[in-house]
Amino acid sequence: MARVYTIVNQKGGVGKTTTTINLGAYLAYFGQRVLLVDIDPQSNTTSCLGIEKHTVKSGTYEALVDGADIGPAILHNPRLKLSLLPASPALAGAEVELVSELARERRLRDALEPVIDRYDYILIDCPPSLGLLTLNGMVAGRDGLLIPVQCEYLALEGLSMLLQTIERVRSAVFQEMQVRGVILTMYDGRTNLAKDVVDEVRKYFPDKVMESVIPRNVRLAEAPSYGLPILAYYPDSSGAEAYEALARELLAADGVKVAV
């Protein structure tokens, strides 16, 4: 059965999509069967893997709103050894359409159930909000939340709100929900501010902050324009090395041995 992790933070620009794609790519490189799930109406994970979001005929919208079988909608990239459940801009209307539905917060979890044995890891990329789509992602993340936090001051301001939301969801909907790890992103070791942010984040999440830190890196920013993860675009960059280390760290924590 797959380990299902949800990449979540209500603040935009902290590296959720970058982390979803590049962590997933390295997990696949290490021999894991990986499914990426895009539930962001902006469809960035879909676009960054070279798929035109406006051409998506079936994906997360149909699964959430119509209860469609996701099996036929899953796309596979043999070169990257990655699978993707894509998103389309239609997801923007899903928040409203799901309001009156029963068990609306479990739609994604239920949709993933038929394919959960086909994969070793499922990574869910959430929108930068705390609405119903993100709630679906959080409930579907049965093995925990991965929270990217940008190493800048403003990123800290949203952490208390995110923690409150996590507690509300845990108490009202999904008691087993936990923070699996906090990933520090866009780190610039030349600044005192970045170091201060790291210290503050460790106070918020004692024993939860991943050792692997993702640096600011031009190659990471360039890779999406080529429809590639950093592993395929520029594997010798510092960004690639950081995500490789993160994948190794997660695998080791999960008790998964890798041969390379």
Protein backbone atom coordinates (compact mmCIF):
# COMPACT_ATOMS: atom_id res chain seq x y z
CA MET A 1 0.00 0.00 0.00
CA ALA A 2 1.26 3.45 -0.92
CA ARG A 3 2.45 6.00 1.56
CA VAL A 4 0.33 9.08 0.91
CA TYR A 5 1.81 12.46 1.77
CA THR A 6 0.17 15.84 1.22
CA ILE A 7 2.34 18.87 0.44
CA VAL A 8 0.51 21.80 2.02
CA ASN A 9 0.95 25.43 3.01
CA GLN A 10 -1.69 28.12 2.56
CA LYS A 11 1.00 30.62 1.56
CA GLY A 12 1.89 30.76 -2.13
CA GLY A 13 5.42 30.72 -3.48
CA VAL A 14 6.95 28.52 -0.78
CA GLY A 15 7.89 25.62 -3.04
CA LYS A 16 4.94 23.21 -2.81
CA THR A 17 4.88 22.33 -6.50
CA THR A 18 8.67 22.35 -6.79
CA THR A 19 8.85 19.96 -3.85
CA THR A 20 6.07 17.71 -5.14
CA ILE A 21 7.70 17.29 -8.54
CA ASN A 22 11.33 17.02 -7.49
CA LEU A 23 10.81 14.87 -4.42
CA GLY A 24 8.60 12.63 -6.53
CA ALA A 25 11.20 12.43 -9.31
CA TYR A 26 13.93 11.33 -6.93
CA LEU A 27 11.69 8.81 -5.21
CA ALA A 28 11.02 7.34 -8.66
CA TYR A 29 14.76 7.42 -9.44
CA PHE A 30 15.30 5.34 -6.31
CA GLY A 31 12.97 2.67 -7.61
CA GLN A 32 9.67 3.74 -6.06
CA ARG A 33 6.38 3.71 -7.95
CA VAL A 34 5.23 7.32 -7.61
CA LEU A 35 1.93 9.06 -8.34
CA LEU A 36 1.69 12.85 -8.21
CA VAL A 37 -1.79 14.27 -7.62
CA ASP A 38 -2.49 17.87 -8.64
CA ILE A 39 -5.45 19.46 -6.82
CA ASP A 40 -4.48 23.08 -7.46
CA PRO A 41 -6.73 24.97 -9.93
CA GLN A 42 -3.58 26.69 -11.18
CA SER A 43 -2.49 23.22 -12.33
CA ASN A 44 1.19 24.00 -11.84
CA THR A 45 2.30 20.42 -11.22
CA THR A 46 0.52 19.43 -14.42
CA SER A 47 2.06 22.28 -16.45
CA CYS A 48 5.53 21.85 -14.99
CA LEU A 49 5.60 18.28 -16.25
CA GLY A 50 4.95 19.51 -19.79
CA ILE A 51 1.20 18.91 -19.97
CA GLU A 52 -1.05 21.68 -21.27
CA LYS A 53 -3.63 22.09 -18.52
CA HIS A 54 -6.37 23.25 -20.89
CA THR A 55 -6.17 19.94 -22.76
CA VAL A 56 -6.87 17.82 -19.66
CA LYS A 57 -10.12 15.94 -20.30
CA SER A 58 -10.21 13.96 -17.08
CA GLY A 59 -8.37 14.48 -13.82
CA THR A 60 -8.85 15.59 -10.25
CA TYR A 61 -11.89 17.75 -11.02
CA GLU A 62 -13.83 14.82 -12.42
CA ALA A 63 -12.74 12.62 -9.52
CA LEU A 64 -13.81 15.14 -6.86
CA VAL A 65 -16.99 16.50 -8.38
CA ASP A 66 -18.29 13.62 -10.50
CA GLY A 67 -16.83 10.71 -8.57
CA ALA A 68 -15.11 9.50 -11.74
CA ASP A 69 -12.71 6.56 -11.71
CA ILE A 70 -9.21 8.04 -11.67
CA GLY A 71 -7.54 5.01 -13.26
CA PRO A 72 -8.07 6.04 -16.90
CA ALA A 73 -7.12 9.65 -16.09
CA ILE A 74 -3.66 8.84 -14.72
CA LEU A 75 -0.85 9.77 -17.11
CA HIS A 76 2.53 8.03 -17.04
CA ASN A 77 5.88 9.42 -18.14
CA PRO A 78 8.16 6.46 -18.91
CA ARG A 79 11.26 8.63 -19.15
CA LEU A 80 10.79 10.07 -15.66
CA LYS A 81 9.07 6.92 -14.32
CA LEU A 82 6.44 9.22 -12.83
CA SER A 83 2.65 9.00 -12.90
CA LEU A 84 0.37 12.02 -12.65
CA LEU A 85 -3.29 12.61 -11.92
CA PRO A 86 -3.56 15.99 -13.67
CA ALA A 87 -5.56 19.08 -12.86
CA SER A 88 -7.40 21.55 -15.07
CA PRO A 89 -8.68 25.09 -14.47
CA ALA A 90 -12.14 23.57 -13.95
CA LEU A 91 -11.03 22.85 -10.38
CA ALA A 92 -11.62 26.52 -9.60
CA GLY A 93 -15.35 25.76 -9.45
CA ALA A 94 -15.00 22.63 -7.35
CA GLU A 95 -15.03 24.51 -4.03
CA VAL A 96 -18.57 25.73 -4.72
CA GLU A 97 -19.82 22.53 -6.33
CA LEU A 98 -18.72 20.37 -3.41
CA VAL A 99 -20.29 22.46 -0.66
CA SER A 100 -23.60 20.58 -0.63
CA GLU A 101 -22.11 17.12 -1.13
CA LEU A 102 -22.04 14.51 1.62
CA ALA A 103 -18.60 13.61 3.02
CA ARG A 104 -17.17 16.29 0.74
CA GLU A 105 -13.87 16.38 2.63
CA ARG A 106 -13.24 12.69 1.84
CA ARG A 107 -13.77 12.83 -1.92
CA LEU A 108 -10.08 12.67 -2.82
CA ARG A 109 -9.27 10.01 -0.22
CA ASP A 110 -12.04 7.81 -1.58
CA ALA A 111 -10.99 8.46 -5.19
CA LEU A 112 -7.43 7.28 -4.48
CA GLU A 113 -8.48 4.09 -2.74
CA PRO A 114 -8.79 1.91 -5.91
CA VAL A 115 -5.22 2.69 -7.02
CA ILE A 116 -3.45 2.88 -3.69
CA ASP A 117 -1.87 -0.57 -4.07
CA ARG A 118 -0.35 0.32 -7.44
CA TYR A 119 2.12 2.80 -5.97
CA ASP A 120 4.74 3.09 -3.26
CA TYR A 121 4.30 6.86 -2.83
CA ILE A 122 1.47 9.25 -3.61
CA LEU A 123 2.27 12.97 -3.28
CA ILE A 124 -0.60 15.46 -3.31
CA ASP A 125 0.07 19.06 -4.35
CA CYS A 126 -2.43 21.45 -2.71
CA PRO A 127 -3.47 24.98 -3.69
CA PRO A 128 -2.19 27.98 -1.70
CA SER A 129 -5.37 28.27 0.37
CA LEU A 130 -7.19 26.63 3.26
CA GLY A 131 -10.39 25.84 1.38
CA LEU A 132 -12.22 22.65 0.55
CA LEU A 133 -9.65 21.45 -1.99
CA THR A 134 -6.85 21.71 0.56
CA LEU A 135 -9.07 20.04 3.15
CA ASN A 136 -9.52 17.12 0.73
CA GLY A 137 -5.77 16.94 0.30
CA MET A 138 -5.15 16.96 4.03
CA VAL A 139 -7.67 14.20 4.71
CA ALA A 140 -6.29 12.12 1.83
CA GLY A 141 -2.74 12.40 3.23
CA ARG A 142 -3.12 9.39 5.47
CA ASP A 143 0.59 9.20 6.22
CA GLY A 144 1.03 12.85 7.05
CA LEU A 145 1.61 16.37 5.84
CA LEU A 146 4.82 17.71 4.32
CA ILE A 147 4.98 21.47 4.85
CA PRO A 148 7.41 23.54 2.76
CA VAL A 149 8.39 26.75 4.52
CA GLN A 150 10.23 29.49 2.69
CA CYS A 151 13.19 30.83 4.65
CA GLU A 152 11.87 34.40 4.77
CA TYR A 153 10.13 36.38 7.49
CA LEU A 154 6.68 36.55 5.90
CA ALA A 155 6.56 32.76 5.65
CA LEU A 156 6.44 32.59 9.44
CA GLU A 157 3.30 34.68 9.67
CA GLY A 158 1.12 32.01 8.10
CA LEU A 159 2.43 29.14 10.20
CA SER A 160 0.20 29.84 13.19
CA MET A 161 -2.87 29.91 10.92
CA LEU A 162 -1.83 26.64 9.30
CA LEU A 163 -1.29 25.02 12.69
CA GLN A 164 -4.74 26.14 13.82
CA THR A 165 -6.29 24.67 10.68
CA ILE A 166 -4.44 21.39 11.19
CA GLU A 167 -5.76 21.18 14.74
CA ARG A 168 -9.32 21.90 13.62
CA VAL A 169 -9.19 19.28 10.90
CA ARG A 170 -7.63 16.78 13.28
CA SER A 171 -10.30 17.27 15.92
CA ALA A 172 -13.30 17.48 13.59
CA VAL A 173 -12.52 15.29 10.59
CA PHE A 174 -9.34 13.22 10.71
CA GLN A 175 -7.96 12.54 14.17
CA GLU A 176 -4.97 10.57 12.84
CA MET A 177 -3.64 13.49 10.79
CA GLN A 178 -0.07 14.42 11.60
CA VAL A 179 2.74 16.63 10.37
CA ARG A 180 5.21 14.23 8.78
CA GLY A 181 7.88 16.80 8.12
CA VAL A 182 8.67 20.46 7.54
CA ILE A 183 10.86 21.25 4.54
CA LEU A 184 12.89 24.44 4.58
CA THR A 185 13.00 25.95 1.09
CA MET A 186 14.67 28.86 -0.71
CA TYR A 187 17.41 28.99 1.89
CA ASP A 188 20.15 31.59 1.47
CA GLY A 189 22.93 30.88 3.93
CA ARG A 190 24.48 34.28 3.33
CA THR A 191 21.75 36.05 5.28
CA ASN A 192 21.14 36.17 9.01
CA LEU A 193 17.39 36.31 8.32
CA ALA A 194 17.38 32.85 6.76
CA LYS A 195 19.17 31.43 9.78
CA ASP A 196 16.73 33.16 12.12
CA VAL A 197 13.78 31.73 10.20
CA VAL A 198 15.25 28.23 10.49
CA ASP A 199 15.50 28.67 14.26
CA GLU A 200 11.91 29.89 14.50
CA VAL A 201 10.55 27.06 12.39
CA ARG A 202 12.30 24.55 14.62
CA LYS A 203 10.48 26.12 17.58
CA TYR A 204 7.11 25.73 15.81
CA PHE A 205 7.82 22.13 14.83
CA PRO A 206 10.26 20.52 17.24
CA ASP A 207 11.63 17.24 15.87
CA LYS A 208 9.67 17.68 12.62
CA VAL A 209 12.04 19.78 10.50
CA MET A 210 13.80 17.75 7.80
CA GLU A 211 17.58 17.88 7.86
CA SER A 212 17.76 18.41 4.09
CA VAL A 213 17.40 22.11 3.27
CA ILE A 214 16.48 23.32 -0.21
CA PRO A 215 18.61 26.30 -1.31
CA ARG A 216 17.71 29.17 -3.58
CA ASN A 217 18.79 27.89 -6.97
CA VAL A 218 18.38 29.30 -10.46
CA ARG A 219 18.25 25.84 -12.03
CA LEU A 220 15.26 24.87 -9.89
CA ALA A 221 13.44 27.93 -11.18
CA GLU A 222 14.35 27.16 -14.80
CA ALA A 223 13.40 23.48 -14.86
CA PRO A 224 9.58 23.92 -15.04
CA SER A 225 9.85 25.90 -18.27
CA TYR A 226 11.33 22.76 -19.85
CA GLY A 227 8.63 20.51 -18.41
CA LEU A 228 11.23 18.62 -16.38
CA PRO A 229 12.16 17.97 -12.76
CA ILE A 230 15.62 19.12 -11.74
CA LEU A 231 16.86 15.51 -11.88
CA ALA A 232 16.36 15.48 -15.66
CA TYR A 233 17.16 19.13 -16.30
CA TYR A 234 20.32 19.87 -14.29
CA PRO A 235 21.26 16.96 -12.00
CA ASP A 236 24.56 18.52 -10.93
CA SER A 237 22.99 21.65 -9.46
CA SER A 238 22.76 22.39 -5.76
CA GLY A 239 18.96 22.21 -6.03
CA ALA A 240 19.17 18.69 -7.44
CA GLU A 241 21.56 17.59 -4.71
CA ALA A 242 19.20 18.98 -2.07
CA TYR A 243 16.14 17.15 -3.39
CA GLU A 244 18.12 13.95 -3.77
CA ALA A 245 19.13 14.28 -0.11
CA LEU A 246 15.52 14.96 0.86
CA ALA A 247 14.30 11.85 -0.95
CA ARG A 248 16.98 9.74 0.70
CA GLU A 249 16.04 11.17 4.09
CA LEU A 250 12.36 10.43 3.63
CA LEU A 251 13.03 6.91 2.39
CA ALA A 252 15.32 6.21 5.32
CA ALA A 253 12.73 7.52 7.78
CA ASP A 254 10.13 5.27 6.13
CA GLY A 255 12.43 2.29 6.41
CA VAL A 256 12.90 1.92 2.66
CA LYS A 257 16.34 0.82 1.49
CA VAL A 258 17.70 2.08 -1.82
CA ALA A 259 20.37 0.47 -3.96
CA VAL A 260 21.87 3.69 -5.38
